[in-house]
Structure formats: structure tokens, C-alpha cells
């Protein structure tokens, strides 16, 4: 019995490690000033949504495996969305980068879609 509990705790820790690692990767990338090739208008919004969707998915799974059941969808969505908004704020201090309401909306959209996707999984 104790061995099963230890195994579950390890799974939770590993899942949170992956989630925080993903968040760290987002932060590191948004701290960089790199040239992106010319993209079609607003295609960066799609990229933002594609980045924040997996984050919400990971947060949903991490919260669920940690024993949180109430407001799981809202929790994952809000945590990922708030992280996206704070990341936009962070970018306003990075030379060569700028914060954008449109990007924050795209982050929230991705967070919403990731939370929906995760809610279909049995956790």
C-alpha cells in the first residue's frame, strides 16, 4: 500500500515538473529578442494559442493528479490565462519585444481550448 502511494506521489511530482518546465520554456523564449520571418497577418495569434493550449492541458492534469476536483476546468484555464497575461507584461520589459492585448486574448483562447481538451481525459 505504501509503495502504491509513493508511486502516485512520484507521478504527481513528475507531472508538475513537466508543467513547470513548460512554463519555464515559455518564459525563456519570451525573454529572447529573435527575428521571426515574415508571417501572414495575425498568424502569431495562432502560435500563441498553440503555446498556451498545452500549458492549460498540463495544468489540468497536474491539478487533477494532485487531488483537485472542484473547479478543475476553471483552475487550469485561469492559471494558464493569468500566466499568459503576465508573460505579455514581462515582454513589455524585453528590448525588441512588445506586449499586446491581441496576444493575451490568443493566450486565453489557447488556455480555454487546452482546458476543454483535457476535460475529455479520465484523470
C-alpha atoms as a PDB file:
ATOM      1  CA  UNK A   1       0.000   0.000   0.000  1.00  0.00           C
ATOM      2  CA  UNK A   2       2.778   2.433   0.928  1.00  0.00           C
ATOM      3  CA  UNK A   3       4.568   1.560  -2.307  1.00  0.00           C
ATOM      4  CA  UNK A   4       1.455   2.467  -4.343  1.00  0.00           C
ATOM      5  CA  UNK A   5       1.181   5.803  -2.567  1.00  0.00           C
ATOM      6  CA  UNK A   6       4.871   6.553  -3.215  1.00  0.00           C
ATOM      7  CA  UNK A   7       4.405   5.698  -6.890  1.00  0.00           C
ATOM      8  CA  UNK A   8       1.427   8.068  -7.134  1.00  0.00           C
ATOM      9  CA  UNK A   9       3.365  10.838  -5.406  1.00  0.00           C
ATOM     10  CA  UNK A  10       6.245  10.360  -7.857  1.00  0.00           C
ATOM     11  CA  UNK A  11       3.812  10.607 -10.781  1.00  0.00           C
ATOM     12  CA  UNK A  12       2.385  13.849  -9.404  1.00  0.00           C
ATOM     13  CA  UNK A  13       5.852  15.326  -8.846  1.00  0.00           C
ATOM     14  CA  UNK A  14       6.982  14.349 -12.349  1.00  0.00           C
ATOM     15  CA  UNK A  15       3.837  15.821 -13.898  1.00  0.00           C
ATOM     16  CA  UNK A  16       4.324  19.098 -12.022  1.00  0.00           C
ATOM     17  CA  UNK A  17       7.998  19.091 -13.024  1.00  0.00           C
ATOM     18  CA  UNK A  18       6.957  18.818 -16.688  1.00  0.00           C
ATOM     19  CA  UNK A  19       4.338  21.549 -16.260  1.00  0.00           C
ATOM     20  CA  UNK A  20       6.720  23.983 -14.563  1.00  0.00           C
ATOM     21  CA  UNK A  21       9.395  23.108 -17.127  1.00  0.00           C
ATOM     22  CA  UNK A  22       6.985  24.004 -19.932  1.00  0.00           C
ATOM     23  CA  UNK A  23       6.192  27.286 -18.181  1.00  0.00           C
ATOM     24  CA  UNK A  24       9.919  27.980 -17.847  1.00  0.00           C
ATOM     25  CA  UNK A  25      10.431  27.316 -21.546  1.00  0.00           C
ATOM     26  CA  UNK A  26       7.688  29.825 -22.386  1.00  0.00           C
ATOM     27  CA  UNK A  27       9.329  32.400 -20.110  1.00  0.00           C
ATOM     28  CA  UNK A  28      12.780  31.812 -21.597  1.00  0.00           C
ATOM     29  CA  UNK A  29      11.514  32.065 -25.162  1.00  0.00           C
ATOM     30  CA  UNK A  30       9.567  35.227 -24.442  1.00  0.00           C
ATOM     31  CA  UNK A  31      12.730  36.727 -22.926  1.00  0.00           C
ATOM     32  CA  UNK A  32      14.528  36.407 -26.257  1.00  0.00           C
ATOM     33  CA  UNK A  33      14.627  39.029 -28.942  1.00  0.00           C
ATOM     34  CA  UNK A  34      14.835  36.980 -32.107  1.00  0.00           C
ATOM     35  CA  UNK A  35      13.813  37.733 -35.643  1.00  0.00           C
ATOM     36  CA  UNK A  36      10.786  35.840 -36.837  1.00  0.00           C
ATOM     37  CA  UNK A  37      10.383  35.555 -40.591  1.00  0.00           C
ATOM     38  CA  UNK A  38       7.547  37.494 -42.124  1.00  0.00           C
ATOM     39  CA  UNK A  39       4.330  35.697 -41.298  1.00  0.00           C
ATOM     40  CA  UNK A  40       0.839  36.266 -42.613  1.00  0.00           C
ATOM     41  CA  UNK A  41      -1.108  38.896 -40.680  1.00  0.00           C
ATOM     42  CA  UNK A  42      -2.212  37.704 -37.218  1.00  0.00           C
ATOM     43  CA  UNK A  43      -0.717  34.231 -37.661  1.00  0.00           C
ATOM     44  CA  UNK A  44       1.240  34.912 -34.477  1.00  0.00           C
ATOM     45  CA  UNK A  45      -2.113  34.710 -32.648  1.00  0.00           C
ATOM     46  CA  UNK A  46      -2.431  31.105 -33.779  1.00  0.00           C
ATOM     47  CA  UNK A  47       1.085  30.438 -32.462  1.00  0.00           C
ATOM     48  CA  UNK A  48       0.190  31.970 -29.095  1.00  0.00           C
ATOM     49  CA  UNK A  49      -2.913  29.781 -28.845  1.00  0.00           C
ATOM     50  CA  UNK A  50      -0.851  26.721 -29.780  1.00  0.00           C
ATOM     51  CA  UNK A  51       1.625  27.506 -26.990  1.00  0.00           C
ATOM     52  CA  UNK A  52      -0.938  28.081 -24.234  1.00  0.00           C
ATOM     53  CA  UNK A  53      -3.213  25.190 -25.095  1.00  0.00           C
ATOM     54  CA  UNK A  54      -0.680  22.547 -23.956  1.00  0.00           C
ATOM     55  CA  UNK A  55       0.039  24.614 -20.847  1.00  0.00           C
ATOM     56  CA  UNK A  56      -3.613  24.536 -19.805  1.00  0.00           C
ATOM     57  CA  UNK A  57      -3.722  20.823 -20.631  1.00  0.00           C
ATOM     58  CA  UNK A  58      -0.701  20.157 -18.413  1.00  0.00           C
ATOM     59  CA  UNK A  59      -2.088  22.323 -15.619  1.00  0.00           C
ATOM     60  CA  UNK A  60      -5.398  20.469 -15.780  1.00  0.00           C
ATOM     61  CA  UNK A  61      -3.658  17.107 -15.484  1.00  0.00           C
ATOM     62  CA  UNK A  62      -1.302  18.320 -12.750  1.00  0.00           C
ATOM     63  CA  UNK A  63      -4.130  19.767 -10.677  1.00  0.00           C
ATOM     64  CA  UNK A  64      -6.231  16.664 -11.184  1.00  0.00           C
ATOM     65  CA  UNK A  65      -3.461  14.252 -10.192  1.00  0.00           C
ATOM     66  CA  UNK A  66      -2.820  16.452  -7.144  1.00  0.00           C
ATOM     67  CA  UNK A  67      -6.333  15.667  -5.958  1.00  0.00           C
ATOM     68  CA  UNK A  68      -8.121  18.824  -7.029  1.00  0.00           C
ATOM     69  CA  UNK A  69     -11.556  18.010  -8.405  1.00  0.00           C
ATOM     70  CA  UNK A  70     -13.656  21.101  -7.790  1.00  0.00           C
ATOM     71  CA  UNK A  71     -13.355  23.858 -10.383  1.00  0.00           C
ATOM     72  CA  UNK A  72     -10.661  21.910 -12.221  1.00  0.00           C
ATOM     73  CA  UNK A  73     -11.535  23.337 -15.642  1.00  0.00           C
ATOM     74  CA  UNK A  74     -11.673  26.891 -14.306  1.00  0.00           C
ATOM     75  CA  UNK A  75      -8.455  26.438 -12.356  1.00  0.00           C
ATOM     76  CA  UNK A  76      -6.459  25.201 -15.342  1.00  0.00           C
ATOM     77  CA  UNK A  77      -7.920  27.857 -17.625  1.00  0.00           C
ATOM     78  CA  UNK A  78      -7.320  30.691 -15.167  1.00  0.00           C
ATOM     79  CA  UNK A  79      -3.794  29.637 -14.239  1.00  0.00           C
ATOM     80  CA  UNK A  80      -2.742  29.293 -17.883  1.00  0.00           C
ATOM     81  CA  UNK A  81      -4.554  32.506 -18.826  1.00  0.00           C
ATOM     82  CA  UNK A  82      -3.030  34.502 -15.993  1.00  0.00           C
ATOM     83  CA  UNK A  83       0.384  33.131 -16.909  1.00  0.00           C
ATOM     84  CA  UNK A  84      -0.193  34.306 -20.497  1.00  0.00           C
ATOM     85  CA  UNK A  85      -1.199  37.775 -19.351  1.00  0.00           C
ATOM     86  CA  UNK A  86       1.796  38.083 -17.016  1.00  0.00           C
ATOM     87  CA  UNK A  87       4.044  36.857 -19.811  1.00  0.00           C
ATOM     88  CA  UNK A  88       2.740  39.619 -22.066  1.00  0.00           C
ATOM     89  CA  UNK A  89       3.534  42.095 -19.274  1.00  0.00           C
ATOM     90  CA  UNK A  90       7.003  40.534 -18.943  1.00  0.00           C
ATOM     91  CA  UNK A  91       7.594  41.004 -22.677  1.00  0.00           C
ATOM     92  CA  UNK A  92       6.955  44.730 -22.330  1.00  0.00           C
ATOM     93  CA  UNK A  93      10.308  44.920 -20.491  1.00  0.00           C
ATOM     94  CA  UNK A  94      12.277  42.851 -23.022  1.00  0.00           C
ATOM     95  CA  UNK A  95      14.093  45.022 -25.586  1.00  0.00           C
ATOM     96  CA  UNK A  96      12.740  44.353 -29.046  1.00  0.00           C
ATOM     97  CA  UNK A  97       9.559  42.700 -27.739  1.00  0.00           C
ATOM     98  CA  UNK A  98       6.194  44.229 -27.029  1.00  0.00           C
ATOM     99  CA  UNK A  99       3.073  43.361 -25.111  1.00  0.00           C
ATOM    100  CA  UNK A 100      -0.171  43.031 -26.994  1.00  0.00           C
ATOM    101  CA  UNK A 101      -3.787  42.707 -25.928  1.00  0.00           C
ATOM    102  CA  UNK A 102      -4.354  40.585 -29.045  1.00  0.00           C
ATOM    103  CA  UNK A 103      -1.613  38.194 -27.976  1.00  0.00           C
ATOM    104  CA  UNK A 104      -3.106  37.973 -24.467  1.00  0.00           C
ATOM    105  CA  UNK A 105      -6.508  37.144 -25.971  1.00  0.00           C
ATOM    106  CA  UNK A 106      -4.851  34.462 -28.102  1.00  0.00           C
ATOM    107  CA  UNK A 107      -3.149  33.084 -24.962  1.00  0.00           C
ATOM    108  CA  UNK A 108      -6.534  32.950 -23.207  1.00  0.00           C
ATOM    109  CA  UNK A 109      -8.098  31.264 -26.232  1.00  0.00           C
ATOM    110  CA  UNK A 110      -5.384  28.617 -26.210  1.00  0.00           C
ATOM    111  CA  UNK A 111      -5.814  28.148 -22.454  1.00  0.00           C
ATOM    112  CA  UNK A 112      -9.542  27.669 -22.933  1.00  0.00           C
ATOM    113  CA  UNK A 113      -9.068  25.131 -25.719  1.00  0.00           C
ATOM    114  CA  UNK A 114      -6.415  23.232 -23.752  1.00  0.00           C
ATOM    115  CA  UNK A 115      -8.709  23.045 -20.731  1.00  0.00           C
ATOM    116  CA  UNK A 116     -11.540  21.744 -22.894  1.00  0.00           C
ATOM    117  CA  UNK A 117      -9.250  19.118 -24.422  1.00  0.00           C
ATOM    118  CA  UNK A 118      -8.004  17.979 -21.030  1.00  0.00           C
ATOM    119  CA  UNK A 119     -11.531  17.720 -19.664  1.00  0.00           C
ATOM    120  CA  UNK A 120     -12.185  14.824 -22.057  1.00  0.00           C
ATOM    121  CA  UNK A 121      -9.483  12.734 -20.395  1.00  0.00           C
ATOM    122  CA  UNK A 122     -10.267  10.485 -17.466  1.00  0.00           C
ATOM    123  CA  UNK A 123      -7.833  11.509 -14.750  1.00  0.00           C
END
